[in-house]
Amino acid sequence: MRGFTLVEALVAVMVSFLIAVGIAGMITSFGLFTRDNVLYTCLLNAASSAIEACKGGQAISQVNCGGYTVSVGLSGNCMPAQGQCSQVSATATARNKSTSLTDMICNVQ
């Protein structure tokens, strides 16, 4: 007897289908993971930029990054009195995700 039976062919097709579905699921997961990483990188960069702008006497309320519009909020005194330090926090928010950074700003002139 040569060749495959109908049952063997159906089993081979089913195994191939399951492998293809598994690979498609992994590709989708990697894409979502990469999108979230881009978003978190943008959030961190926006919060960091807001603190640096605050140190320079500027204010940033929004940053465009990676196709996202990131809203930034600051709390704390950006211009402490001479010889004083102030703790400043920046919170960046986009797509229902947020991250915060805190830094000390000192006026030592």
Protein backbone atom coordinates (compact mmCIF):
# COMPACT_ATOMS: atom_id res chain seq x y z
CA MET A 1 0.00 0.00 0.00
CA ARG A 2 1.41 3.39 -1.02
CA GLY A 3 0.43 7.00 -0.26
CA PHE A 4 -1.58 8.55 2.50
CA THR A 5 -5.02 7.61 3.65
CA LEU A 6 -7.71 10.24 3.97
CA VAL A 7 -7.42 10.17 7.79
CA GLU A 8 -3.65 10.74 7.65
CA ALA A 9 -4.12 13.67 5.29
CA LEU A 10 -6.79 15.22 7.56
CA VAL A 11 -4.52 14.81 10.62
CA ALA A 12 -1.64 16.48 8.75
CA VAL A 13 -3.89 19.39 7.74
CA MET A 14 -5.15 19.75 11.33
CA VAL A 15 -1.61 19.77 12.77
CA SER A 16 -0.53 22.35 10.18
CA PHE A 17 -3.56 24.49 11.05
CA LEU A 18 -2.80 24.37 14.78
CA ILE A 19 0.83 25.36 14.16
CA ALA A 20 -0.27 28.27 11.94
CA VAL A 21 -2.76 29.51 14.57
CA GLY A 22 -0.05 29.32 17.26
CA ILE A 23 2.41 31.31 15.13
CA ALA A 24 -0.24 33.93 14.31
CA GLY A 25 -1.01 34.28 18.04
CA MET A 26 2.67 34.80 18.86
CA ILE A 27 3.03 37.46 16.15
CA THR A 28 -0.01 39.30 17.52
CA SER A 29 1.34 39.12 21.09
CA PHE A 30 4.73 40.46 20.02
CA GLY A 31 3.05 43.34 18.18
CA LEU A 32 0.99 44.32 21.23
CA PHE A 33 4.05 44.01 23.48
CA THR A 34 6.05 46.28 21.16
CA ARG A 35 3.23 48.85 21.06
CA ASP A 36 3.12 48.95 24.87
CA ASN A 37 6.90 49.33 25.04
CA VAL A 38 6.76 52.30 22.64
CA LEU A 39 4.02 53.88 24.76
CA TYR A 40 5.93 53.44 28.03
CA THR A 41 9.09 54.83 26.42
CA CYS A 42 7.11 57.88 25.30
CA LEU A 43 5.65 58.31 28.80
CA LEU A 44 9.10 58.20 30.40
CA ASN A 45 10.57 60.59 27.85
CA ALA A 46 7.69 63.04 28.28
CA ALA A 47 7.98 63.04 32.08
CA SER A 48 11.75 63.46 31.87
CA SER A 49 11.43 66.28 29.33
CA ALA A 50 8.90 68.06 31.55
CA ILE A 51 11.27 67.97 34.53
CA GLU A 52 14.18 69.21 32.40
CA ALA A 53 12.01 72.00 30.96
CA CYS A 54 10.94 72.89 34.50
CA LYS A 55 14.61 73.21 35.48
CA GLY A 56 15.05 75.65 32.59
CA GLY A 57 12.01 77.72 33.56
CA GLN A 58 9.74 76.35 30.80
CA ALA A 59 6.46 74.45 31.04
CA ILE A 60 5.41 71.45 28.95
CA SER A 61 1.82 70.21 29.07
CA GLN A 62 1.77 67.91 26.02
CA VAL A 63 4.31 65.93 24.04
CA ASN A 64 3.80 64.10 20.72
CA CYS A 65 5.77 60.87 20.62
CA GLY A 66 5.44 57.65 18.63
CA GLY A 67 2.04 58.63 17.30
CA TYR A 68 0.70 59.32 20.81
CA THR A 69 -0.24 62.64 22.40
CA VAL A 70 1.09 62.47 25.94
CA SER A 71 -0.34 64.81 28.58
CA VAL A 72 2.12 65.92 31.26
CA GLY A 73 1.35 67.30 34.71
CA LEU A 74 3.90 68.85 37.08
CA SER A 75 3.77 69.30 40.83
CA GLY A 76 6.32 71.10 42.95
CA ASN A 77 8.28 74.33 42.79
CA CYS A 78 10.36 74.67 39.63
CA MET A 79 12.08 77.82 40.89
CA PRO A 80 13.07 77.35 44.55
CA ALA A 81 14.59 80.24 46.50
CA GLN A 82 18.36 80.71 46.33
CA GLY A 83 20.15 78.05 48.36
CA GLN A 84 17.00 75.89 48.53
CA CYS A 85 15.87 72.66 46.86
CA SER A 86 12.42 71.55 45.79
CA GLN A 87 11.07 68.14 44.90
CA VAL A 88 9.30 68.16 41.52
CA SER A 89 7.15 65.32 40.14
CA ALA A 90 6.03 64.88 36.55
CA THR A 91 3.20 62.54 35.59
CA ALA A 92 2.79 61.60 31.92
CA THR A 93 -0.49 60.05 30.74
CA ALA A 94 -1.65 58.58 27.42
CA ARG A 95 -4.13 55.85 26.46
CA ASN A 96 -5.15 55.19 30.08
CA LYS A 97 -1.55 54.48 31.09
CA SER A 98 0.64 56.77 33.13
CA THR A 99 4.05 56.99 34.72
CA SER A 100 5.65 59.42 37.15
CA LEU A 101 9.18 60.68 37.71
CA THR A 102 10.44 62.69 40.66
CA ASP A 103 13.58 64.83 40.86
CA MET A 104 15.11 67.49 43.10
CA ILE A 105 15.64 70.97 41.68
CA CYS A 106 18.13 73.08 43.58
CA ASN A 107 18.98 76.77 43.20
CA VAL A 108 22.65 77.04 44.15
CA GLN A 109 23.61 80.21 42.28
